[in-house]
Protein backbone atom coordinates (compact mmCIF):
# COMPACT_ATOMS: atom_id res chain seq x y z
CA MET A 1 -6.83 23.37 0.01
CA LYS A 2 -10.06 22.19 0.38
CA ILE A 3 -11.66 23.19 4.00
CA LEU A 4 -14.39 20.65 5.56
CA LYS A 5 -17.53 22.60 6.92
CA PRO A 6 -19.25 21.22 10.09
CA GLY A 7 -22.83 19.81 9.02
CA THR A 8 -21.95 19.05 5.20
CA LYS A 9 -21.51 15.59 4.78
CA TYR A 10 -17.74 14.81 3.97
CA TRP A 11 -17.26 16.50 7.75
CA LYS A 12 -19.89 13.81 8.92
CA LEU A 13 -18.16 11.21 7.44
CA GLY A 14 -15.04 12.18 8.10
CA ASN A 15 -15.84 12.49 11.52
CA ASP A 16 -17.41 8.69 11.15
CA MET A 17 -13.75 7.82 10.62
CA GLN A 18 -12.26 9.59 13.23
CA SER A 19 -14.36 7.41 15.44
CA LEU A 20 -13.91 4.57 13.74
CA LEU A 21 -10.18 4.45 13.92
CA ASN A 22 -10.14 6.08 17.98
CA LYS A 23 -11.69 2.09 18.50
CA PRO A 24 -9.68 -0.36 18.83
CA LEU A 25 -10.67 -3.48 16.07
CA SER A 26 -12.97 -5.76 16.11
CA LYS A 27 -13.06 -8.90 16.86
CA ASN A 28 -14.41 -10.08 13.89
CA VAL A 29 -10.90 -8.87 11.76
CA LYS A 30 -8.50 -10.32 14.02
CA ARG A 31 -10.49 -13.78 14.04
CA ALA A 32 -9.97 -13.01 10.12
CA THR A 33 -6.48 -12.57 10.29
CA ALA A 34 -5.89 -15.82 13.29
CA ILE A 35 -8.03 -17.65 10.27
CA ALA A 36 -5.51 -16.45 6.94
CA GLY A 37 -2.19 -17.67 9.63
CA LEU A 38 -4.03 -20.94 10.57
CA LEU A 39 -4.61 -21.64 6.86
CA LEU A 40 -0.82 -20.37 5.78
CA PHE A 41 0.80 -22.64 9.05
CA LEU A 42 -1.03 -25.46 7.82
CA SER A 43 -0.21 -25.71 4.28
CA GLY A 44 3.64 -25.36 5.15
CA LEU A 45 3.49 -28.52 6.95
CA PRO A 46 3.52 -30.95 4.10
CA LEU A 47 5.29 -29.04 2.85
CA THR A 48 8.08 -28.73 4.68
CA LEU A 49 8.50 -32.19 5.60
CA GLY A 50 8.03 -33.12 1.32
CA PHE A 51 11.24 -30.37 1.56
CA PHE A 52 13.68 -32.29 4.21
CA CYS A 53 12.70 -35.79 1.65
CA MET A 54 13.36 -34.00 -1.62
CA ILE A 55 16.83 -32.16 -0.04
CA LEU A 56 18.11 -35.41 1.23
CA ILE A 57 17.20 -37.28 -2.13
CA LEU A 58 19.43 -35.22 -4.04
CA VAL A 59 21.94 -34.55 -1.79
CA ALA A 60 22.72 -38.40 -1.45
CA GLU A 61 22.40 -38.53 -5.65
CA GLY A 62 25.25 -35.74 -5.70
CA ASP A 63 22.42 -33.64 -7.92
CA SER A 64 23.80 -30.38 -8.13
CA GLU A 65 20.43 -29.10 -7.68
CA ALA A 66 20.06 -29.98 -4.30
CA ILE A 67 21.08 -25.63 -3.47
CA GLN A 68 18.53 -24.23 -5.64
CA VAL A 69 15.39 -27.38 -4.83
CA GLY A 70 16.78 -26.55 -1.22
CA LEU A 71 16.50 -22.44 -1.26
CA GLY A 72 13.22 -22.53 -3.31
CA GLY A 73 11.67 -24.91 -1.16
CA PHE A 74 12.86 -23.13 2.32
CA THR A 75 11.61 -20.38 1.29
CA LEU A 76 9.02 -21.78 0.54
CA ILE A 77 8.65 -22.86 4.42
CA THR A 78 9.70 -19.82 5.98
CA ILE A 79 6.67 -18.56 4.26
CA MET A 80 4.05 -20.18 5.12
CA LEU A 81 4.76 -22.19 8.71
CA GLY A 82 7.00 -18.12 9.65
CA ALA A 83 4.81 -15.22 8.46
CA GLY A 84 1.05 -17.13 8.97
CA GLY A 85 2.74 -18.55 12.84
CA ILE A 86 3.30 -15.39 13.55
CA ILE A 87 0.19 -13.85 12.10
CA LEU A 88 -1.73 -16.71 14.15
CA TRP A 89 0.15 -15.63 17.52
CA HIS A 90 -0.40 -12.86 17.63
CA SER A 91 -3.88 -12.58 16.76
CA LEU A 92 -5.28 -15.10 19.61
CA ARG A 93 -2.73 -13.02 21.45
CA SER A 94 -4.71 -10.06 20.41
CA LEU A 95 -7.93 -11.63 20.79
CA GLN A 96 -7.45 -12.53 24.32
CA GLY A 97 -6.30 -9.48 25.57
CA LYS A 98 -2.88 -10.10 26.00
CA PRO A 99 -0.28 -7.00 25.53
CA SER A 100 3.21 -7.30 23.04
CA ASN A 101 6.61 -6.02 24.69
CA SER A 102 8.06 -3.08 22.89
CA LEU A 103 10.14 -3.15 19.22
CA SER A 104 13.54 -3.05 19.82
CA LEU A 105 16.38 -3.96 16.90
CA PRO A 106 20.17 -4.57 17.08
CA SER A 107 22.34 -2.03 16.55
CA VAL A 108 23.52 -1.49 13.04
CA TRP A 109 27.09 -2.02 13.31
CA VAL A 110 25.90 -5.98 14.55
CA MET A 111 23.57 -6.40 11.98
CA ALA A 112 26.86 -5.22 8.79
CA GLY A 113 28.59 -7.81 10.53
CA LEU A 114 25.27 -10.59 10.98
CA PHE A 115 25.52 -9.63 6.91
CA GLY A 116 28.86 -10.49 6.14
CA ILE A 117 29.41 -13.24 8.37
CA CYS A 118 26.29 -14.46 6.39
CA VAL A 119 27.92 -13.88 2.51
CA ALA A 120 31.32 -15.39 3.57
CA VAL A 121 29.48 -18.56 5.40
CA GLY A 122 27.29 -18.69 1.79
CA LEU A 123 30.24 -18.30 0.10
CA PHE A 124 32.42 -21.88 1.77
CA ILE A 125 30.16 -24.00 1.86
CA THR A 126 29.18 -24.48 -1.58
CA GLU A 127 32.10 -26.18 -2.20
CA SER A 128 29.95 -28.65 -0.82
CA ASN A 129 26.81 -30.59 -2.24
CA PHE A 130 25.78 -31.72 1.47
CA ALA A 131 26.02 -28.90 3.73
CA ALA A 132 24.74 -26.23 1.30
CA GLY A 133 21.68 -27.90 0.35
CA LEU A 134 20.85 -27.51 4.15
CA LEU A 135 22.80 -24.91 5.64
CA PHE A 136 22.75 -21.71 3.08
CA PRO A 137 18.88 -21.66 2.46
CA PRO A 138 18.89 -20.55 5.54
CA LEU A 139 21.57 -18.25 5.43
CA LEU A 140 21.13 -16.24 2.17
CA LEU A 141 17.56 -15.83 3.56
CA VAL A 142 18.66 -13.99 6.60
CA GLY A 143 21.27 -12.32 4.38
CA ALA A 144 18.58 -11.20 2.41
CA ALA A 145 16.81 -9.62 5.66
CA VAL A 146 18.95 -7.68 7.20
CA PRO A 147 19.68 -5.17 4.59
CA PRO A 148 16.25 -3.60 4.83
CA LEU A 149 15.64 -4.14 9.04
CA LEU A 150 19.44 -2.39 8.96
CA ALA A 151 17.93 0.79 7.50
CA ILE A 152 14.86 0.44 10.18
CA SER A 153 17.67 0.57 12.51
CA TRP A 154 19.05 2.86 11.20
CA PHE A 155 15.70 5.02 10.78
CA THR A 156 14.83 4.79 14.61
CA ALA A 157 18.28 5.13 15.84
CA GLN A 158 16.99 1.90 17.95
CA LYS A 159 14.56 4.19 19.56
CA ALA A 160 11.72 1.97 18.32
CA GLY A 161 9.08 3.95 20.12
CA GLY A 162 5.29 2.68 20.44
CA LEU A 163 5.47 0.09 18.15
CA THR A 164 5.62 -3.56 19.42
CA TRP A 165 6.52 -6.51 18.33
CA ARG A 166 2.98 -7.25 17.47
CA TRP A 167 2.42 -4.66 14.87
CA GLY A 168 6.11 -5.10 13.53
CA LEU A 169 6.35 -8.73 13.02
CA VAL A 170 2.95 -8.73 11.50
CA ALA A 171 3.55 -5.89 8.74
CA LEU A 172 6.93 -7.52 8.47
CA ALA A 173 4.59 -10.93 7.38
CA GLY A 174 2.28 -9.28 5.06
CA GLY A 175 5.24 -7.37 3.07
CA ALA A 176 6.34 -10.09 2.34
CA THR A 177 2.94 -11.86 1.71
CA LEU A 178 -0.16 -9.84 0.91
CA GLY A 179 2.81 -6.86 -0.91
CA VAL A 180 4.31 -9.76 -2.94
CA LEU A 181 1.02 -11.29 -3.71
CA VAL A 182 0.13 -8.27 -4.74
CA ALA A 183 2.64 -6.55 -6.45
CA LEU A 184 3.17 -10.38 -8.15
CA ILE A 185 -0.64 -9.88 -9.86
CA LEU A 186 -0.49 -6.22 -10.56
CA GLU A 187 3.50 -5.92 -12.87
CA ILE A 188 3.82 -9.70 -13.86
CA ILE A 189 0.62 -11.38 -14.33
CA LEU A 190 -2.08 -8.43 -15.54
CA PRO A 191 1.22 -7.73 -17.96
CA LEU A 192 0.72 -11.20 -19.32
CA ILE A 193 -2.19 -10.97 -19.93
CA VAL A 194 -2.52 -8.23 -21.61
CA LEU A 195 0.09 -8.22 -23.83
CA SER A 196 -0.98 -12.32 -24.68
CA LEU A 197 -4.37 -11.98 -24.75
CA VAL A 198 -5.46 -8.16 -25.16
CA LEU A 199 -2.34 -7.19 -27.35
CA ASN A 200 -1.90 -10.51 -29.14
CA LEU A 201 2.23 -9.59 -28.52
CA ALA A 202 3.19 -12.88 -27.08
CA GLU A 203 5.39 -13.90 -30.42
CA MET A 204 6.82 -10.36 -31.06
CA MET A 205 8.21 -10.09 -27.53
CA THR A 206 9.59 -14.15 -26.81
CA ALA A 207 11.82 -12.61 -30.06
CA SER A 208 13.04 -8.90 -28.65
CA PHE A 209 14.16 -10.75 -25.80
CA GLU A 210 16.34 -14.13 -27.82
CA ASP A 211 17.45 -10.45 -29.81
CA LEU A 212 18.41 -9.09 -26.44
CA LEU A 213 20.37 -12.70 -25.55
CA ILE A 214 21.91 -13.04 -28.08
CA ALA A 215 23.23 -9.50 -28.37
CA LEU A 216 24.42 -9.93 -24.93
CA THR A 217 26.49 -13.36 -25.74
CA GLY A 218 27.71 -11.66 -28.93
CA GLU A 219 29.01 -8.80 -26.65
CA ASN A 220 27.71 -5.66 -28.53
CA ILE A 221 26.24 -3.87 -25.78
CA ALA A 222 25.96 -0.79 -28.28
CA LEU A 223 23.32 -3.06 -29.58
CA ALA A 224 21.31 -5.02 -26.58
CA LEU A 225 20.96 -1.64 -25.03
CA THR A 226 19.23 -0.26 -28.20
CA GLU A 227 16.75 -3.55 -28.23
CA PRO A 228 12.98 -3.37 -27.65
CA GLY A 229 13.38 -6.60 -25.03
CA PHE A 230 15.72 -3.67 -23.68
CA ILE A 231 13.12 -1.45 -23.34
CA PHE A 232 10.20 -3.62 -22.22
CA LEU A 233 12.49 -4.62 -19.27
CA LEU A 234 13.47 -0.93 -18.69
CA VAL A 235 9.81 0.54 -18.70
CA HIS A 236 8.60 -2.84 -17.11
CA LEU A 237 11.76 -1.93 -14.25
CA ALA A 238 11.51 1.52 -13.89
CA VAL A 239 7.07 2.69 -14.86
CA ILE A 240 5.62 -1.00 -13.92
CA ALA A 241 7.56 -2.61 -10.93
CA PRO A 242 7.66 0.56 -9.05
CA LEU A 243 3.84 1.88 -9.61
CA ALA A 244 2.88 -2.17 -8.12
CA GLU A 245 5.29 -2.51 -6.19
CA GLU A 246 4.49 1.42 -3.54
CA LEU A 247 1.06 -0.08 -4.12
CA ALA A 248 0.80 -3.34 -2.59
CA LYS A 249 3.88 -2.72 -0.08
CA PRO A 250 1.84 -1.16 2.65
CA LEU A 251 -1.49 -2.50 2.12
CA VAL A 252 -1.63 -5.05 5.26
CA THR A 253 -0.26 -2.16 7.23
CA LEU A 254 -4.08 0.16 5.82
CA PRO A 255 -5.64 -1.40 9.78
CA LEU A 256 -3.28 0.09 11.67
CA VAL A 257 -1.94 3.19 10.50
CA GLY A 258 -5.22 5.16 10.85
CA ARG A 259 -4.72 3.74 14.52
CA LEU A 260 -1.39 5.47 14.57
CA SER A 261 1.09 8.52 15.58
CA ARG A 262 2.74 9.99 11.90
CA ARG A 263 6.53 8.22 13.29
CA ASP A 264 4.82 4.99 14.30
CA ALA A 265 2.78 5.15 10.78
CA PHE A 266 5.82 5.96 8.61
CA LEU A 267 8.16 2.90 10.84
CA VAL A 268 4.88 0.10 10.18
CA GLY A 269 5.07 1.38 6.60
CA ALA A 270 8.91 0.73 6.42
CA ILE A 271 9.04 -2.39 7.99
CA ALA A 272 6.09 -3.59 6.18
CA GLY A 273 8.49 -3.32 2.49
CA ALA A 274 11.82 -5.22 4.87
CA GLY A 275 9.46 -7.82 4.46
CA PHE A 276 8.74 -7.26 0.86
CA ALA A 277 12.17 -6.50 -0.18
CA ALA A 278 13.20 -9.85 2.36
CA LEU A 279 11.83 -11.82 -0.27
CA GLU A 280 12.83 -9.95 -3.03
CA ASN A 281 16.44 -10.03 -2.56
CA VAL A 282 15.75 -14.10 -2.20
CA LEU A 283 14.64 -13.78 -5.79
CA TYR A 284 17.09 -11.98 -7.16
CA ALA A 285 19.54 -14.13 -5.08
CA GLY A 286 18.03 -17.30 -6.91
CA PHE A 287 17.85 -16.52 -10.44
CA GLY A 288 21.04 -15.32 -10.36
CA PHE A 289 22.52 -17.78 -8.00
CA TYR A 290 25.92 -18.48 -9.18
CA PHE A 291 26.30 -14.82 -8.68
CA TRP A 292 23.92 -14.60 -5.33
CA ALA A 293 26.51 -13.13 -3.11
CA GLY A 294 27.37 -9.64 -5.60
CA ILE A 295 23.73 -9.91 -6.57
CA LEU A 296 23.13 -9.90 -2.56
CA VAL A 297 25.92 -6.77 -1.87
CA VAL A 298 24.69 -4.77 -4.58
CA ARG A 299 21.49 -4.94 -3.94
CA ALA A 300 22.32 -3.73 0.51
CA LEU A 301 23.51 -0.67 -1.13
CA GLY A 302 19.44 0.06 -1.82
CA GLY A 303 18.58 -1.99 1.42
CA ALA A 304 16.93 1.69 2.69
CA ILE A 305 14.64 2.04 -0.83
CA HIS A 306 12.02 -0.24 -0.56
CA PRO A 307 11.23 0.76 3.23
CA LEU A 308 11.51 3.93 2.33
CA GLY A 309 8.63 4.46 -0.19
CA SER A 310 5.99 1.96 1.52
CA GLY A 311 7.01 3.79 5.05
CA LEU A 312 6.57 7.45 2.72
CA VAL A 313 2.95 5.53 0.93
CA ALA A 314 2.21 4.80 4.52
CA LEU A 315 2.02 8.31 5.78
CA GLY A 316 0.43 8.99 2.98
CA TRP A 317 -2.29 6.42 4.04
CA ARG A 318 -2.59 8.03 7.28
CA SER A 319 -3.91 11.19 6.47
CA VAL A 320 -6.58 9.89 3.93
CA LEU A 321 -7.83 7.74 6.82
CA GLN A 322 -7.53 10.50 9.58
CA ASN A 323 -9.44 12.88 7.15
CA GLU A 324 -6.50 15.27 7.23
CA PRO A 325 -6.86 18.70 4.98
CA GLY A 326 -5.58 17.90 1.47
CA ALA A 327 -5.09 14.17 2.46
CA TRP A 328 -5.12 13.49 -1.30
CA LEU A 329 -2.77 15.34 -2.41
CA ASN A 330 -0.41 14.68 0.20
CA TRP A 331 -1.17 11.39 -0.50
CA LEU A 332 -0.02 11.64 -3.96
CA ALA A 333 2.30 13.50 -3.51
CA ARG A 334 4.73 10.68 -0.94
CA PHE A 335 3.68 7.82 -3.67
CA GLY A 336 5.29 9.87 -6.64
CA LEU A 337 8.47 10.51 -4.56
CA ALA A 338 8.22 6.59 -3.28
CA VAL A 339 7.90 5.51 -6.71
CA GLY A 340 10.68 8.34 -8.30
CA VAL A 341 13.51 7.24 -5.91
CA HIS A 342 11.71 3.62 -6.95
CA ALA A 343 12.01 3.97 -11.21
CA LEU A 344 15.63 5.90 -10.75
CA TRP A 345 17.44 2.43 -8.30
CA ASN A 346 15.44 -0.33 -10.63
CA GLY A 347 17.08 2.04 -14.54
CA SER A 348 19.96 1.54 -12.45
CA SER A 349 20.22 -1.62 -11.40
CA LEU A 350 19.20 -3.08 -15.22
CA LEU A 351 22.19 -0.70 -16.75
CA ILE A 352 24.37 -3.01 -14.14
CA ILE A 353 23.27 -6.47 -15.27
CA THR A 354 23.25 -5.59 -18.38
CA LEU A 355 26.94 -3.73 -18.97
CA ALA A 356 28.94 -5.37 -16.23
CA GLY A 357 26.70 -8.68 -15.73
CA ALA A 358 26.34 -9.81 -19.92
CA LYS A 359 28.54 -12.81 -18.18
CA PHE A 360 25.09 -14.27 -16.68
CA PHE A 361 24.59 -14.39 -20.52
CA GLY A 362 27.94 -15.03 -22.46
CA GLN A 363 31.51 -13.56 -22.28
CA LEU A 364 32.87 -10.91 -19.84
CA PRO A 365 31.89 -7.62 -22.66
CA PRO A 366 34.17 -4.88 -22.56
CA GLU A 367 34.76 -2.43 -20.45
CA ILE A 368 33.77 0.22 -21.98
CA ASN A 369 34.66 3.81 -20.67
CA ILE A 370 35.39 7.27 -21.16
CA LEU A 371 37.60 10.35 -20.64
CA GLY A 372 39.02 6.92 -18.25
CA LEU A 373 35.35 6.49 -16.43
CA SER A 374 33.56 2.94 -16.51
CA MET A 375 29.61 3.26 -17.51
CA ALA A 376 28.73 0.67 -15.39
CA GLY A 377 31.14 1.95 -11.81
CA MET A 378 30.05 5.49 -12.71
CA THR A 379 26.08 3.59 -12.74
CA LEU A 380 27.04 1.99 -9.71
CA ALA A 381 28.22 4.93 -7.99
CA LEU A 382 24.54 6.47 -8.24
CA LEU A 383 23.46 2.74 -6.77
CA ILE A 384 25.20 3.86 -3.79
CA ILE A 385 24.21 7.62 -4.02
CA LEU A 386 20.63 6.62 -4.47
CA GLY A 387 20.60 4.28 -1.48
CA VAL A 388 23.01 6.43 1.00
CA THR A 389 20.35 9.28 0.19
CA ALA A 390 17.62 7.21 1.66
CA LEU A 391 19.49 6.30 4.67
CA TRP A 392 19.73 9.65 4.96
CA ALA A 393 15.54 10.51 3.68
CA GLY A 394 14.25 8.27 6.62
CA ARG A 395 16.60 9.36 9.48
CA SER A 396 15.23 12.41 8.53
CA ILE A 397 11.64 11.48 9.10
CA VAL A 398 11.76 10.10 11.81
CA GLN A 399 13.69 13.24 13.89
CA ASN A 400 11.64 15.11 12.16
CA VAL A 401 7.94 13.55 12.93
CA GLU A 402 7.29 14.71 16.71
CA LEU A 403 5.30 14.24 19.48
CA ASP A 404 4.20 16.78 21.16
CA ILE A 405 3.95 15.14 24.77
CA SER A 406 1.35 18.25 26.49
CA GLU A 407 -1.66 17.69 24.11
CA ASN A 408 -0.59 14.17 23.41
CA ARG A 409 -1.22 15.07 19.98
CA GLU A 410 1.22 15.70 17.12
CA SER A 411 2.37 18.72 15.51
CA ALA A 412 2.27 19.10 11.35
CA LYS A 413 5.96 19.19 11.05
CA LEU A 414 6.68 16.83 8.71
CA ASP A 415 8.76 18.35 6.09
CA PHE A 416 12.59 17.72 5.60
CA ILE A 417 14.93 20.06 7.21
CA VAL A 418 17.17 20.38 4.20
CA SER A 419 19.47 23.63 4.42
CA ASP A 420 20.39 24.95 0.18
CA ARG A 421 24.29 24.28 0.96
CA SER A 422 22.53 20.83 1.48
CA ILE A 423 21.34 20.83 -2.19
CA ALA A 424 23.82 22.33 -4.14
CA ILE A 425 26.15 19.69 -2.62
CA TRP A 426 23.04 16.54 -3.54
CA ALA A 427 22.91 17.65 -6.96
CA MET A 428 26.60 18.23 -7.37
CA ILE A 429 27.28 14.24 -5.99
CA CYS A 430 23.96 13.42 -8.45
CA LEU A 431 25.84 14.84 -11.64
CA VAL A 432 28.78 13.38 -11.22
CA ALA A 433 27.37 10.37 -11.09
CA ILE A 434 25.50 10.81 -13.58
CA VAL A 435 26.58 13.25 -16.72
CA PRO A 436 29.34 10.85 -17.79
CA VAL A 437 26.91 7.29 -18.32
CA GLY A 438 24.37 9.89 -20.23
CA ILE A 439 27.80 11.14 -22.29
CA THR A 440 29.03 7.02 -22.88
CA GLY A 441 24.76 6.57 -23.31
CA LEU A 442 24.90 8.39 -26.78
CA GLN A 443 28.54 7.51 -27.95
CA LEU A 444 27.15 4.05 -28.16
CA LEU A 445 23.91 5.43 -29.79
CA PHE A 446 26.41 6.89 -32.14
CA ARG A 447 27.90 3.69 -32.95
CA LEU A 448 25.27 1.66 -34.36
């Protein structure tokens, strides 16, 4: 490990950065943040008026697409008015030197109950076009936001520490706006440009996706799993998306994490990940609207995946900004762990959609069983294991990052405290979940 020696330019640079981080955020940064919030808020005002007028017209005409239009419009309004208003309000109060109250979250059980109520009421009101067009969008938005916020509540055991509402809400809004925007550019817009303009593969990829849909509609799962379209989706979801999203989610926290304790840096990064996850949940449920409840429940199983990954990367950025020894290696290790967990979750989710969710495209295919075990069922079990592990890991990090109050500094203790027995149990559970999936996959390939 390289130690910075006094007098070198890197040592001076580290000291300059440390001095900068010890100062409060400049007024220019706060003003720029307030202006961004104001522009976002003002852009949402005409959209709000147009949204309500459009919904009333669609409902009056009995249009079956009123719910989807309402969901899209309400989501945009929430991003613009909600996120813009939060950023503007807290930036102005910060400029005025007014403090913010300590952050507090409801208990895990209260949030789990709220999620169940949102799903149950949403299923009930979708039977009515009028009620669904107006009431379903906010219900879905709340239901989509609860699982990642529940993970934050579990991480902290309802003890927010030094976090305030200002930091928490700005991180949440930033993750749902800046984080999502950067991720869309990195994982969708740039790949499309490369495939279409640079490699000239647009027609080939379109044909591959058409072949994939034909295979799914024809109940030919073995063929679907080997189609180029499926392979591209797997690479995109399991490689490109995790890399892009884990880079994008904590970006909004960079002005903060270098000034916070390790515990607070992890949590503020996790909250940014929760904002990102909430909007992503809405998008997934919106695209698969006829199965929105099932999608929301499955994604709720991994409610801690995005907060955990974003918190780990934010913790890595804090080490870099604090100029700690081995900071970049620590950042790379945490980033790699976040990407790995995210990739495993996304890849398993794609298998669930392909194997058990072909009903999106055609008739439900025959169940595939090995030794009485469903491949889709075992993949779902793997998702549950990943979700529970993410909850455990997040809480372990928060508990193990301790603050030395007597010296007003943190201990370097940051690793998970895991016994050999815990590792053995974890490995056995993973094998039980993964082996049947692998066996079934091999049999499908041999049938070709």
